[in-house]
């Protein structure tokens, strides 16, 4: 069985499987009124001319290249970072270098519950 194919790039046809194919054919046969040249809007007056666009683009290009040049001139100071990390790690007290226990959240909640149980509520306002 041969299945007809439809190419959307081919001229002169409407995809018969389209949900709007009937409407498309109807509009194609009765396109309506064409606009007149008198209906073309006037050239806008609040748009900068091409030369002004060119000047603005070139100006931004110069800002970009100047920024890149200035950024390249900044000396890179992130060297010997491992030495810094080792020195900083040595400043940490020994008891604080171990990672927290897996049940640390439960321990904290248990401590908080015990403290709440021990707490004495404040006296009522007089």
PDB file of N, CA and C in Angstrom:
ATOM      1  N   UNK A   1       0.844  -1.177   0.000  1.00  0.00           N
ATOM      2  CA  UNK A   1       0.000   0.000   0.000  1.00  0.00           C
ATOM      3  C   UNK A   1       0.890   1.243   0.000  1.00  0.00           C
ATOM      4  N   UNK A   2       0.617   2.176  -0.871  1.00  0.00           N
ATOM      5  CA  UNK A   2       1.393   3.400  -0.992  1.00  0.00           C
ATOM      6  C   UNK A   2       0.733   4.498  -0.154  1.00  0.00           C
ATOM      7  N   UNK A   3       1.496   5.081   0.758  1.00  0.00           N
ATOM      8  CA  UNK A   3       0.998   6.169   1.597  1.00  0.00           C
ATOM      9  C   UNK A   3       1.485   7.468   0.986  1.00  0.00           C
ATOM     10  N   UNK A   4       0.557   8.355   0.620  1.00  0.00           N
ATOM     11  CA  UNK A   4       1.004   9.631   0.051  1.00  0.00           C
ATOM     12  C   UNK A   4       1.727  10.448   1.111  1.00  0.00           C
ATOM     13  N   UNK A   5       2.782  11.099   0.673  1.00  0.00           N
ATOM     14  CA  UNK A   5       3.540  11.941   1.597  1.00  0.00           C
ATOM     15  C   UNK A   5       3.327  13.393   1.229  1.00  0.00           C
ATOM     16  N   UNK A   6       3.452  14.225   2.197  1.00  0.00           N
ATOM     17  CA  UNK A   6       3.282  15.656   2.003  1.00  0.00           C
ATOM     18  C   UNK A   6       4.563  16.345   2.438  1.00  0.00           C
ATOM     19  N   UNK A   7       5.094  17.189   1.603  1.00  0.00           N
ATOM     20  CA  UNK A   7       6.293  17.942   1.943  1.00  0.00           C
ATOM     21  C   UNK A   7       5.882  19.371   2.282  1.00  0.00           C
ATOM     22  N   UNK A   8       6.173  19.832   3.483  1.00  0.00           N
ATOM     23  CA  UNK A   8       5.811  21.207   3.831  1.00  0.00           C
ATOM     24  C   UNK A   8       6.596  22.236   3.034  1.00  0.00           C
ATOM     25  N   UNK A   9       7.679  21.802   2.385  1.00  0.00           N
ATOM     26  CA  UNK A   9       8.478  22.738   1.599  1.00  0.00           C
ATOM     27  C   UNK A   9       8.030  22.809   0.143  1.00  0.00           C
ATOM     28  N   UNK A  10       7.150  21.901  -0.257  1.00  0.00           N
ATOM     29  CA  UNK A  10       6.681  21.900  -1.639  1.00  0.00           C
ATOM     30  C   UNK A  10       5.626  22.994  -1.820  1.00  0.00           C
ATOM     31  N   UNK A  11       5.643  23.609  -2.989  1.00  0.00           N
ATOM     32  CA  UNK A  11       4.689  24.682  -3.261  1.00  0.00           C
ATOM     33  C   UNK A  11       3.351  24.105  -3.708  1.00  0.00           C
ATOM     34  N   UNK A  12       2.275  24.833  -3.420  1.00  0.00           N
ATOM     35  CA  UNK A  12       0.976  24.515  -3.978  1.00  0.00           C
ATOM     36  C   UNK A  12       0.172  23.460  -3.273  1.00  0.00           C
ATOM     37  N   UNK A  13       0.478  23.117  -2.071  1.00  0.00           N
ATOM     38  CA  UNK A  13      -0.326  22.102  -1.409  1.00  0.00           C
ATOM     39  C   UNK A  13      -0.586  22.443   0.036  1.00  0.00           C
ATOM     40  N   UNK A  14      -1.629  21.819   0.555  1.00  0.00           N
ATOM     41  CA  UNK A  14      -1.964  21.964   1.966  1.00  0.00           C
ATOM     42  C   UNK A  14      -1.990  20.563   2.545  1.00  0.00           C
ATOM     43  N   UNK A  15      -1.407  20.398   3.672  1.00  0.00           N
ATOM     44  CA  UNK A  15      -1.380  19.096   4.320  1.00  0.00           C
ATOM     45  C   UNK A  15      -2.814  18.675   4.642  1.00  0.00           C
ATOM     46  N   UNK A  16      -3.296  17.607   4.035  1.00  0.00           N
ATOM     47  CA  UNK A  16      -4.676  17.203   4.279  1.00  0.00           C
ATOM     48  C   UNK A  16      -4.896  16.690   5.701  1.00  0.00           C
ATOM     49  N   UNK A  17      -3.850  16.325   6.406  1.00  0.00           N
ATOM     50  CA  UNK A  17      -3.983  15.849   7.783  1.00  0.00           C
ATOM     51  C   UNK A  17      -4.067  16.990   8.781  1.00  0.00           C
ATOM     52  N   UNK A  18      -3.837  18.208   8.332  1.00  0.00           N
ATOM     53  CA  UNK A  18      -3.875  19.353   9.228  1.00  0.00           C
ATOM     54  C   UNK A  18      -5.301  19.621   9.690  1.00  0.00           C
ATOM     55  N   UNK A  19      -5.422  20.058  10.926  1.00  0.00           N
ATOM     56  CA  UNK A  19      -6.753  20.371  11.462  1.00  0.00           C
ATOM     57  C   UNK A  19      -7.326  21.647  10.870  1.00  0.00           C
ATOM     58  N   UNK A  20      -6.511  22.448  10.244  1.00  0.00           N
ATOM     59  CA  UNK A  20      -6.989  23.697   9.653  1.00  0.00           C
ATOM     60  C   UNK A  20      -6.863  23.682   8.136  1.00  0.00           C
ATOM     61  N   UNK A  21      -6.753  22.511   7.526  1.00  0.00           N
ATOM     62  CA  UNK A  21      -6.534  22.454   6.078  1.00  0.00           C
ATOM     63  C   UNK A  21      -7.705  23.052   5.308  1.00  0.00           C
ATOM     64  N   UNK A  22      -8.934  22.780   5.711  1.00  0.00           N
ATOM     65  CA  UNK A  22     -10.099  23.331   4.995  1.00  0.00           C
ATOM     66  C   UNK A  22     -10.107  24.849   5.083  1.00  0.00           C
ATOM     67  N   UNK A  23      -9.823  25.386   6.270  1.00  0.00           N
ATOM     68  CA  UNK A  23      -9.789  26.846   6.436  1.00  0.00           C
ATOM     69  C   UNK A  23      -8.654  27.454   5.623  1.00  0.00           C
ATOM     70  N   UNK A  24      -7.529  26.772   5.561  1.00  0.00           N
ATOM     71  CA  UNK A  24      -6.383  27.279   4.806  1.00  0.00           C
ATOM     72  C   UNK A  24      -6.705  27.359   3.320  1.00  0.00           C
ATOM     73  N   UNK A  25      -7.339  26.329   2.789  1.00  0.00           N
ATOM     74  CA  UNK A  25      -7.716  26.330   1.377  1.00  0.00           C
ATOM     75  C   UNK A  25      -8.724  27.437   1.109  1.00  0.00           C
ATOM     76  N   UNK A  26      -9.702  27.620   2.003  1.00  0.00           N
ATOM     77  CA  UNK A  26     -10.720  28.658   1.804  1.00  0.00           C
ATOM     78  C   UNK A  26     -10.097  30.039   1.799  1.00  0.00           C
ATOM     79  N   UNK A  27      -9.188  30.289   2.700  1.00  0.00           N
ATOM     80  CA  UNK A  27      -8.538  31.604   2.763  1.00  0.00           C
ATOM     81  C   UNK A  27      -7.639  31.812   1.554  1.00  0.00           C
ATOM     82  N   UNK A  28      -6.987  30.763   1.082  1.00  0.00           N
ATOM     83  CA  UNK A  28      -6.110  30.886  -0.077  1.00  0.00           C
ATOM     84  C   UNK A  28      -6.892  31.262  -1.331  1.00  0.00           C
ATOM     85  N   UNK A  29      -8.137  30.839  -1.439  1.00  0.00           N
ATOM     86  CA  UNK A  29      -8.945  31.160  -2.621  1.00  0.00           C
ATOM     87  C   UNK A  29      -9.658  32.499  -2.501  1.00  0.00           C
ATOM     88  N   UNK A  30      -9.744  33.044  -1.330  1.00  0.00           N
ATOM     89  CA  UNK A  30     -10.375  34.354  -1.124  1.00  0.00           C
ATOM     90  C   UNK A  30      -9.527  35.142  -0.135  1.00  0.00           C
ATOM     91  N   UNK A  31      -8.372  35.647  -0.595  1.00  0.00           N
ATOM     92  CA  UNK A  31      -7.436  36.257   0.342  1.00  0.00           C
ATOM     93  C   UNK A  31      -7.904  37.577   0.948  1.00  0.00           C
ATOM     94  N   UNK A  32      -8.872  38.247   0.366  1.00  0.00           N
ATOM     95  CA  UNK A  32      -9.329  39.515   0.924  1.00  0.00           C
ATOM     96  C   UNK A  32      -8.669  40.700   0.246  1.00  0.00           C
ATOM     97  N   UNK A  33      -8.881  41.850   0.851  1.00  0.00           N
ATOM     98  CA  UNK A  33      -8.392  43.104   0.257  1.00  0.00           C
ATOM     99  C   UNK A  33      -6.892  43.267   0.506  1.00  0.00           C
ATOM    100  N   UNK A  34      -6.198  43.847  -0.461  1.00  0.00           N
ATOM    101  CA  UNK A  34      -4.788  44.137  -0.316  1.00  0.00           C
ATOM    102  C   UNK A  34      -4.618  45.571   0.171  1.00  0.00           C
ATOM    103  N   UNK A  35      -3.600  45.833   0.962  1.00  0.00           N
ATOM    104  CA  UNK A  35      -3.387  47.207   1.432  1.00  0.00           C
ATOM    105  C   UNK A  35      -2.912  48.106   0.296  1.00  0.00           C
ATOM    106  N   UNK A  36      -3.144  49.398   0.469  1.00  0.00           N
ATOM    107  CA  UNK A  36      -2.690  50.399  -0.496  1.00  0.00           C
ATOM    108  C   UNK A  36      -1.393  51.018   0.011  1.00  0.00           C
ATOM    109  N   UNK A  37      -0.618  51.575  -0.890  1.00  0.00           N
ATOM    110  CA  UNK A  37       0.627  52.219  -0.482  1.00  0.00           C
ATOM    111  C   UNK A  37       0.369  53.406   0.436  1.00  0.00           C
ATOM    112  N   UNK A  38      -0.801  53.972   0.388  1.00  0.00           N
ATOM    113  CA  UNK A  38      -1.118  55.086   1.276  1.00  0.00           C
ATOM    114  C   UNK A  38      -1.262  54.620   2.726  1.00  0.00           C
ATOM    115  N   UNK A  39      -1.410  53.315   2.916  1.00  0.00           N
ATOM    116  CA  UNK A  39      -1.559  52.789   4.271  1.00  0.00           C
ATOM    117  C   UNK A  39      -0.219  52.433   4.915  1.00  0.00           C
ATOM    118  N   UNK A  40       0.879  52.555   4.189  1.00  0.00           N
ATOM    119  CA  UNK A  40       2.190  52.274   4.751  1.00  0.00           C
ATOM    120  C   UNK A  40       2.500  53.373   5.760  1.00  0.00           C
ATOM    121  N   UNK A  41       2.874  53.018   6.969  1.00  0.00           N
ATOM    122  CA  UNK A  41       3.128  54.046   7.981  1.00  0.00           C
ATOM    123  C   UNK A  41       4.337  54.902   7.624  1.00  0.00           C
ATOM    124  N   UNK A  42       4.348  56.090   8.178  1.00  0.00           N
ATOM    125  CA  UNK A  42       5.462  57.018   7.944  1.00  0.00           C
ATOM    126  C   UNK A  42       6.719  56.502   8.644  1.00  0.00           C
ATOM    127  N   UNK A  43       7.854  56.945   8.146  1.00  0.00           N
ATOM    128  CA  UNK A  43       9.134  56.564   8.754  1.00  0.00           C
ATOM    129  C   UNK A  43       9.183  57.160  10.158  1.00  0.00           C
ATOM    130  N   UNK A  44       9.536  56.366  11.170  1.00  0.00           N
ATOM    131  CA  UNK A  44       9.566  56.908  12.534  1.00  0.00           C
ATOM    132  C   UNK A  44      10.659  57.959  12.675  1.00  0.00           C
ATOM    133  N   UNK A  45      10.383  58.918  13.503  1.00  0.00           N
ATOM    134  CA  UNK A  45      11.340  60.010  13.708  1.00  0.00           C
ATOM    135  C   UNK A  45      12.131  59.842  14.999  1.00  0.00           C
ATOM    136  N   UNK A  46      11.739  58.895  15.852  1.00  0.00           N
ATOM    137  CA  UNK A  46      12.415  58.734  17.132  1.00  0.00           C
ATOM    138  C   UNK A  46      13.421  57.574  17.140  1.00  0.00           C
ATOM    139  N   UNK A  47      13.896  57.159  15.954  1.00  0.00           N
ATOM    140  CA  UNK A  47      14.872  56.083  15.843  1.00  0.00           C
ATOM    141  C   UNK A  47      16.190  56.694  15.403  1.00  0.00           C
ATOM    142  N   UNK A  48      17.271  56.315  16.069  1.00  0.00           N
ATOM    143  CA  UNK A  48      18.559  56.909  15.709  1.00  0.00           C
ATOM    144  C   UNK A  48      18.999  56.435  14.327  1.00  0.00           C
ATOM    145  N   UNK A  49      19.708  57.273  13.598  1.00  0.00           N
ATOM    146  CA  UNK A  49      20.161  56.902  12.257  1.00  0.00           C
ATOM    147  C   UNK A  49      21.249  55.820  12.313  1.00  0.00           C
ATOM    148  N   UNK A  50      21.524  55.227  11.167  1.00  0.00           N
ATOM    149  CA  UNK A  50      22.488  54.136  11.075  1.00  0.00           C
ATOM    150  C   UNK A  50      23.866  54.587  11.576  1.00  0.00           C
ATOM    151  N   UNK A  51      24.274  55.794  11.257  1.00  0.00           N
ATOM    152  CA  UNK A  51      25.586  56.275  11.696  1.00  0.00           C
ATOM    153  C   UNK A  51      25.663  56.322  13.220  1.00  0.00           C
ATOM    154  N   UNK A  52      24.579  56.699  13.879  1.00  0.00           N
ATOM    155  CA  UNK A  52      24.572  56.748  15.338  1.00  0.00           C
ATOM    156  C   UNK A  52      24.648  55.336  15.919  1.00  0.00           C
ATOM    157  N   UNK A  53      23.975  54.371  15.283  1.00  0.00           N
ATOM    158  CA  UNK A  53      24.086  52.975  15.717  1.00  0.00           C
ATOM    159  C   UNK A  53      25.529  52.506  15.594  1.00  0.00           C
ATOM    160  N   UNK A  54      26.157  52.832  14.460  1.00  0.00           N
ATOM    161  CA  UNK A  54      27.540  52.426  14.227  1.00  0.00           C
ATOM    162  C   UNK A  54      28.450  53.022  15.307  1.00  0.00           C
ATOM    163  N   UNK A  55      28.255  54.283  15.629  1.00  0.00           N
ATOM    164  CA  UNK A  55      29.065  54.934  16.660  1.00  0.00           C
ATOM    165  C   UNK A  55      28.864  54.262  18.010  1.00  0.00           C
ATOM    166  N   UNK A  56      27.619  53.935  18.347  1.00  0.00           N
ATOM    167  CA  UNK A  56      27.332  53.283  19.625  1.00  0.00           C
ATOM    168  C   UNK A  56      27.971  51.894  19.690  1.00  0.00           C
ATOM    169  N   UNK A  57      27.891  51.132  18.603  1.00  0.00           N
ATOM    170  CA  UNK A  57      28.473  49.783  18.584  1.00  0.00           C
ATOM    171  C   UNK A  57      29.989  49.865  18.710  1.00  0.00           C
ATOM    172  N   UNK A  58      30.598  50.764  17.985  1.00  0.00           N
ATOM    173  CA  UNK A  58      32.051  50.909  18.053  1.00  0.00           C
ATOM    174  C   UNK A  58      32.463  51.352  19.455  1.00  0.00           C
ATOM    175  N   UNK A  59      31.700  52.247  20.055  1.00  0.00           N
ATOM    176  CA  UNK A  59      31.993  52.679  21.419  1.00  0.00           C
ATOM    177  C   UNK A  59      31.932  51.525  22.399  1.00  0.00           C
ATOM    178  N   UNK A  60      30.915  50.696  22.286  1.00  0.00           N
ATOM    179  CA  UNK A  60      30.802  49.529  23.168  1.00  0.00           C
ATOM    180  C   UNK A  60      31.939  48.542  22.915  1.00  0.00           C
ATOM    181  N   UNK A  61      32.344  48.403  21.678  1.00  0.00           N
ATOM    182  CA  UNK A  61      33.465  47.519  21.352  1.00  0.00           C
ATOM    183  C   UNK A  61      34.739  48.006  22.031  1.00  0.00           C
ATOM    184  N   UNK A  62      34.956  49.331  22.017  1.00  0.00           N
ATOM    185  CA  UNK A  62      36.138  49.886  22.679  1.00  0.00           C
ATOM    186  C   UNK A  62      36.075  49.658  24.190  1.00  0.00           C
ATOM    187  N   UNK A  63      34.910  49.808  24.787  1.00  0.00           N
ATOM    188  CA  UNK A  63      34.759  49.544  26.224  1.00  0.00           C
ATOM    189  C   UNK A  63      35.084  48.081  26.514  1.00  0.00           C
ATOM    190  N   UNK A  64      34.605  47.189  25.673  1.00  0.00           N
ATOM    191  CA  UNK A  64      34.866  45.758  25.852  1.00  0.00           C
ATOM    192  C   UNK A  64      36.361  45.468  25.783  1.00  0.00           C
ATOM    193  N   UNK A  65      37.030  45.971  24.773  1.00  0.00           N
ATOM    194  CA  UNK A  65      38.462  45.683  24.636  1.00  0.00           C
ATOM    195  C   UNK A  65      39.260  46.319  25.772  1.00  0.00           C
ATOM    196  N   UNK A  66      38.854  47.502  26.211  1.00  0.00           N
ATOM    197  CA  UNK A  66      39.550  48.152  27.327  1.00  0.00           C
ATOM    198  C   UNK A  66      39.354  47.337  28.612  1.00  0.00           C
ATOM    199  N   UNK A  67      38.129  46.834  28.834  1.00  0.00           N
ATOM    200  CA  UNK A  67      37.854  46.005  30.017  1.00  0.00           C
ATOM    201  C   UNK A  67      38.668  44.723  29.979  1.00  0.00           C
ATOM    202  N   UNK A  68      38.748  44.078  28.825  1.00  0.00           N
ATOM    203  CA  UNK A  68      39.546  42.857  28.700  1.00  0.00           C
ATOM    204  C   UNK A  68      41.027  43.142  28.943  1.00  0.00           C
ATOM    205  N   UNK A  69      41.515  44.261  28.422  1.00  0.00           N
ATOM    206  CA  UNK A  69      42.918  44.622  28.613  1.00  0.00           C
ATOM    207  C   UNK A  69      43.200  44.905  30.081  1.00  0.00           C
ATOM    208  N   UNK A  70      42.289  45.651  30.744  1.00  0.00           N
ATOM    209  CA  UNK A  70      42.474  45.958  32.168  1.00  0.00           C
ATOM    210  C   UNK A  70      42.416  44.685  33.012  1.00  0.00           C
ATOM    211  N   UNK A  71      41.508  43.770  32.673  1.00  0.00           N
ATOM    212  CA  UNK A  71      41.399  42.520  33.425  1.00  0.00           C
ATOM    213  C   UNK A  71      42.652  41.674  33.237  1.00  0.00           C
ATOM    214  N   UNK A  72      43.213  41.671  32.050  1.00  0.00           N
ATOM    215  CA  UNK A  72      44.421  40.882  31.793  1.00  0.00           C
ATOM    216  C   UNK A  72      45.628  41.458  32.533  1.00  0.00           C
ATOM    217  N   UNK A  73      45.594  42.758  32.838  1.00  0.00           N
ATOM    218  CA  UNK A  73      46.719  43.398  33.520  1.00  0.00           C
ATOM    219  C   UNK A  73      46.721  43.123  35.023  1.00  0.00           C
ATOM    220  N   UNK A  74      45.615  42.639  35.575  1.00  0.00           N
ATOM    221  CA  UNK A  74      45.555  42.350  37.007  1.00  0.00           C
ATOM    222  C   UNK A  74      46.384  41.090  37.275  1.00  0.00           C
ATOM    223  N   UNK A  75      47.326  41.162  38.201  1.00  0.00           N
ATOM    224  CA  UNK A  75      48.160  39.981  38.446  1.00  0.00           C
ATOM    225  C   UNK A  75      47.351  38.863  39.094  1.00  0.00           C
ATOM    226  N   UNK A  76      47.630  37.647  38.691  1.00  0.00           N
ATOM    227  CA  UNK A  76      46.961  36.475  39.248  1.00  0.00           C
ATOM    228  C   UNK A  76      47.613  36.155  40.578  1.00  0.00           C
ATOM    229  N   UNK A  77      46.832  36.199  41.657  1.00  0.00           N
ATOM    230  CA  UNK A  77      47.409  36.034  42.991  1.00  0.00           C
ATOM    231  C   UNK A  77      47.047  34.707  43.646  1.00  0.00           C
ATOM    232  N   UNK A  78      46.276  33.884  42.999  1.00  0.00           N
ATOM    233  CA  UNK A  78      45.874  32.624  43.618  1.00  0.00           C
ATOM    234  C   UNK A  78      46.899  31.538  43.323  1.00  0.00           C
ATOM    235  N   UNK A  79      48.074  31.718  43.893  1.00  0.00           N
ATOM    236  CA  UNK A  79      49.117  30.714  43.736  1.00  0.00           C
ATOM    237  C   UNK A  79      49.410  30.118  45.103  1.00  0.00           C
ATOM    238  N   UNK A  80      50.006  28.967  45.133  1.00  0.00           N
ATOM    239  CA  UNK A  80      50.370  28.285  46.368  1.00  0.00           C
ATOM    240  C   UNK A  80      49.164  28.134  47.297  1.00  0.00           C
ATOM    241  N   UNK A  81      48.030  27.796  46.741  1.00  0.00           N
ATOM    242  CA  UNK A  81      46.823  27.668  47.547  1.00  0.00           C
ATOM    243  C   UNK A  81      46.877  26.461  48.469  1.00  0.00           C
ATOM    244  N   UNK A  82      47.573  25.410  48.073  1.00  0.00           N
ATOM    245  CA  UNK A  82      47.657  24.226  48.930  1.00  0.00           C
ATOM    246  C   UNK A  82      48.445  24.535  50.201  1.00  0.00           C
ATOM    247  N   UNK A  83      49.503  25.332  50.080  1.00  0.00           N
ATOM    248  CA  UNK A  83      50.258  25.740  51.270  1.00  0.00           C
ATOM    249  C   UNK A  83      49.366  26.530  52.220  1.00  0.00           C
ATOM    250  N   UNK A  84      48.591  27.449  51.672  1.00  0.00           N
ATOM    251  CA  UNK A  84      47.672  28.238  52.500  1.00  0.00           C
ATOM    252  C   UNK A  84      46.667  27.318  53.178  1.00  0.00           C
ATOM    253  N   UNK A  85      46.115  26.345  52.434  1.00  0.00           N
ATOM    254  CA  UNK A  85      45.126  25.433  53.006  1.00  0.00           C
ATOM    255  C   UNK A  85      45.733  24.622  54.144  1.00  0.00           C
ATOM    256  N   UNK A  86      46.960  24.149  53.975  1.00  0.00           N
ATOM    257  CA  UNK A  86      47.613  23.372  55.035  1.00  0.00           C
ATOM    258  C   UNK A  86      47.834  24.222  56.284  1.00  0.00           C
ATOM    259  N   UNK A  87      48.304  25.461  56.105  1.00  0.00           N
ATOM    260  CA  UNK A  87      48.516  26.357  57.250  1.00  0.00           C
ATOM    261  C   UNK A  87      47.192  26.623  57.967  1.00  0.00           C
ATOM    262  N   UNK A  88      46.129  26.823  57.204  1.00  0.00           N
ATOM    263  CA  UNK A  88      44.831  27.108  57.808  1.00  0.00           C
ATOM    264  C   UNK A  88      44.285  25.891  58.541  1.00  0.00           C
ATOM    265  N   UNK A  89      44.451  24.702  57.959  1.00  0.00           N
ATOM    266  CA  UNK A  89      43.996  23.475  58.622  1.00  0.00           C
ATOM    267  C   UNK A  89      44.712  23.260  59.956  1.00  0.00           C
ATOM    268  N   UNK A  90      45.980  23.652  60.041  1.00  0.00           N
ATOM    269  CA  UNK A  90      46.735  23.489  61.281  1.00  0.00           C
ATOM    270  C   UNK A  90      46.208  24.389  62.392  1.00  0.00           C
ATOM    271  N   UNK A  91      45.510  25.462  62.053  1.00  0.00           N
ATOM    272  CA  UNK A  91      44.957  26.378  63.053  1.00  0.00           C
ATOM    273  C   UNK A  91      43.684  25.833  63.699  1.00  0.00           C
ATOM    274  N   UNK A  92      43.059  24.823  63.081  1.00  0.00           N
ATOM    275  CA  UNK A  92      41.807  24.266  63.606  1.00  0.00           C
ATOM    276  C   UNK A  92      42.126  23.370  64.792  1.00  0.00           C
ATOM    277  N   UNK A  93      41.428  23.543  65.927  1.00  0.00           N
ATOM    278  CA  UNK A  93      41.675  22.665  67.074  1.00  0.00           C
ATOM    279  C   UNK A  93      41.420  21.203  66.713  1.00  0.00           C
ATOM    280  N   UNK A  94      42.177  20.309  67.323  1.00  0.00           N
ATOM    281  CA  UNK A  94      42.132  18.891  66.986  1.00  0.00           C
ATOM    282  C   UNK A  94      40.726  18.322  67.157  1.00  0.00           C
ATOM    283  N   UNK A  95      40.004  18.709  68.186  1.00  0.00           N
ATOM    284  CA  UNK A  95      38.670  18.181  68.425  1.00  0.00           C
ATOM    285  C   UNK A  95      37.651  18.588  67.377  1.00  0.00           C
ATOM    286  N   UNK A  96      37.978  19.581  66.589  1.00  0.00           N
ATOM    287  CA  UNK A  96      37.036  20.066  65.582  1.00  0.00           C
ATOM    288  C   UNK A  96      37.378  19.602  64.175  1.00  0.00           C
ATOM    289  N   UNK A  97      38.373  18.763  64.058  1.00  0.00           N
ATOM    290  CA  UNK A  97      38.772  18.321  62.719  1.00  0.00           C
ATOM    291  C   UNK A  97      38.037  17.084  62.253  1.00  0.00           C
ATOM    292  N   UNK A  98      37.340  16.403  63.155  1.00  0.00           N
ATOM    293  CA  UNK A  98      36.608  15.210  62.745  1.00  0.00           C
ATOM    294  C   UNK A  98      35.235  15.610  62.227  1.00  0.00           C
ATOM    295  N   UNK A  99      34.742  14.898  61.247  1.00  0.00           N
ATOM    296  CA  UNK A  99      33.408  15.227  60.731  1.00  0.00           C
ATOM    297  C   UNK A  99      32.340  14.884  61.761  1.00  0.00           C
ATOM    298  N   UNK A 100      31.187  15.508  61.696  1.00  0.00           N
ATOM    299  CA  UNK A 100      30.132  15.219  62.659  1.00  0.00           C
ATOM    300  C   UNK A 100      29.645  13.775  62.501  1.00  0.00           C
ATOM    301  N   UNK A 101      29.107  13.238  63.587  1.00  0.00           N
ATOM    302  CA  UNK A 101      28.600  11.871  63.563  1.00  0.00           C
ATOM    303  C   UNK A 101      27.395  11.789  62.641  1.00  0.00           C
ATOM    304  N   UNK A 102      27.125  10.575  62.160  1.00  0.00           N
ATOM    305  CA  UNK A 102      25.990  10.388  61.254  1.00  0.00           C
ATOM    306  C   UNK A 102      24.666  10.695  61.935  1.00  0.00           C
ATOM    307  N   UNK A 103      24.612  10.483  63.269  1.00  0.00           N
ATOM    308  CA  UNK A 103      23.364  10.752  63.981  1.00  0.00           C
ATOM    309  C   UNK A 103      23.422  12.093  64.719  1.00  0.00           C
ATOM    310  N   UNK A 104      24.215  13.020  64.216  1.00  0.00           N
ATOM    311  CA  UNK A 104      24.375  14.316  64.882  1.00  0.00           C
ATOM    312  C   UNK A 104      23.046  15.051  64.986  1.00  0.00           C
ATOM    313  N   UNK A 105      22.216  14.981  63.966  1.00  0.00           N
ATOM    314  CA  UNK A 105      20.923  15.684  64.013  1.00  0.00           C
ATOM    315  C   UNK A 105      20.059  15.111  65.129  1.00  0.00           C
ATOM    316  N   UNK A 106      20.058  13.782  65.270  1.00  0.00           N
ATOM    317  CA  UNK A 106      19.267  13.173  66.332  1.00  0.00           C
ATOM    318  C   UNK A 106      19.831  13.542  67.712  1.00  0.00           C
ATOM    319  N   UNK A 107      21.153  13.597  67.826  1.00  0.00           N
ATOM    320  CA  UNK A 107      21.774  13.987  69.102  1.00  0.00           C
ATOM    321  C   UNK A 107      21.385  15.417  69.466  1.00  0.00           C
ATOM    322  N   UNK A 108      21.378  16.293  68.487  1.00  0.00           N
ATOM    323  CA  UNK A 108      21.020  17.689  68.744  1.00  0.00           C
ATOM    324  C   UNK A 108      19.562  17.782  69.175  1.00  0.00           C
ATOM    325  N   UNK A 109      18.691  17.066  68.491  1.00  0.00           N
ATOM    326  CA  UNK A 109      17.274  17.091  68.863  1.00  0.00           C
ATOM    327  C   UNK A 109      17.063  16.523  70.261  1.00  0.00           C
ATOM    328  N   UNK A 110      17.772  15.438  70.606  1.00  0.00           N
ATOM    329  CA  UNK A 110      17.643  14.855  71.943  1.00  0.00           C
ATOM    330  C   UNK A 110      18.118  15.843  73.005  1.00  0.00           C
ATOM    331  N   UNK A 111      19.239  16.523  72.738  1.00  0.00           N
ATOM    332  CA  UNK A 111      19.738  17.527  73.674  1.00  0.00           C
ATOM    333  C   UNK A 111      18.720  18.647  73.846  1.00  0.00           C
ATOM    334  N   UNK A 112      18.165  19.124  72.747  1.00  0.00           N
ATOM    335  CA  UNK A 112      17.183  20.209  72.823  1.00  0.00           C
ATOM    336  C   UNK A 112      15.943  19.768  73.592  1.00  0.00           C
ATOM    337  N   UNK A 113      15.485  18.530  73.377  1.00  0.00           N
ATOM    338  CA  UNK A 113      14.307  18.029  74.090  1.00  0.00           C
ATOM    339  C   UNK A 113      14.592  17.937  75.587  1.00  0.00           C
ATOM    340  N   UNK A 114      15.796  17.461  75.952  1.00  0.00           N
ATOM    341  CA  UNK A 114      16.155  17.369  77.369  1.00  0.00           C
ATOM    342  C   UNK A 114      16.212  18.751  78.001  1.00  0.00           C
ATOM    343  N   UNK A 115      16.750  19.705  77.304  1.00  0.00           N
ATOM    344  CA  UNK A 115      16.833  21.070  77.846  1.00  0.00           C
ATOM    345  C   UNK A 115      15.444  21.690  77.977  1.00  0.00           C
ATOM    346  N   UNK A 116      14.580  21.441  77.010  1.00  0.00           N
ATOM    347  CA  UNK A 116      13.203  21.968  77.118  1.00  0.00           C
ATOM    348  C   UNK A 116      12.492  21.358  78.322  1.00  0.00           C
ATOM    349  N   UNK A 117      12.747  20.069  78.589  1.00  0.00           N
ATOM    350  CA  UNK A 117      12.112  19.407  79.730  1.00  0.00           C
ATOM    351  C   UNK A 117      12.611  19.988  81.051  1.00  0.00           C
ATOM    352  N   UNK A 118      13.872  20.388  81.096  1.00  0.00           N
ATOM    353  CA  UNK A 118      14.449  20.965  82.320  1.00  0.00           C
ATOM    354  C   UNK A 118      14.051  22.408  82.524  1.00  0.00           C
ATOM    355  N   UNK A 119      13.678  23.096  81.469  1.00  0.00           N
ATOM    356  CA  UNK A 119      13.453  24.546  81.538  1.00  0.00           C
ATOM    357  C   UNK A 119      12.259  24.868  82.433  1.00  0.00           C
ATOM    358  N   UNK A 120      12.370  25.972  83.138  1.00  0.00           N
ATOM    359  CA  UNK A 120      11.284  26.472  83.973  1.00  0.00           C
ATOM    360  C   UNK A 120      10.645  27.625  83.224  1.00  0.00           C
ATOM    361  N   UNK A 121       9.325  27.544  83.013  1.00  0.00           N
ATOM    362  CA  UNK A 121       8.699  28.646  82.288  1.00  0.00           C
ATOM    363  C   UNK A 121       8.765  29.937  83.095  1.00  0.00           C
ATOM    364  N   UNK A 122       8.787  31.079  82.412  1.00  0.00           N
ATOM    365  CA  UNK A 122       8.848  32.347  83.126  1.00  0.00           C
ATOM    366  C   UNK A 122       7.548  32.597  83.891  1.00  0.00           C
ATOM    367  N   UNK A 123       7.602  33.400  84.933  1.00  0.00           N
ATOM    368  CA  UNK A 123       6.365  33.704  85.671  1.00  0.00           C
ATOM    369  C   UNK A 123       5.416  34.522  84.811  1.00  0.00           C
ATOM    370  N   UNK A 124       4.135  34.412  85.060  1.00  0.00           N
ATOM    371  CA  UNK A 124       3.182  35.184  84.267  1.00  0.00           C
ATOM    372  C   UNK A 124       3.360  36.675  84.530  1.00  0.00           C
ATOM    373  N   UNK A 125       3.009  37.502  83.579  1.00  0.00           N
ATOM    374  CA  UNK A 125       3.134  38.950  83.791  1.00  0.00           C
ATOM    375  C   UNK A 125       2.164  39.422  84.884  1.00  0.00           C
ATOM    376  N   UNK A 126       2.540  40.413  85.635  1.00  0.00           N
ATOM    377  CA  UNK A 126       1.706  40.914  86.736  1.00  0.00           C
ATOM    378  C   UNK A 126       0.952  42.124  86.359  1.00  0.00           C
TER     379      UNK A 126
END
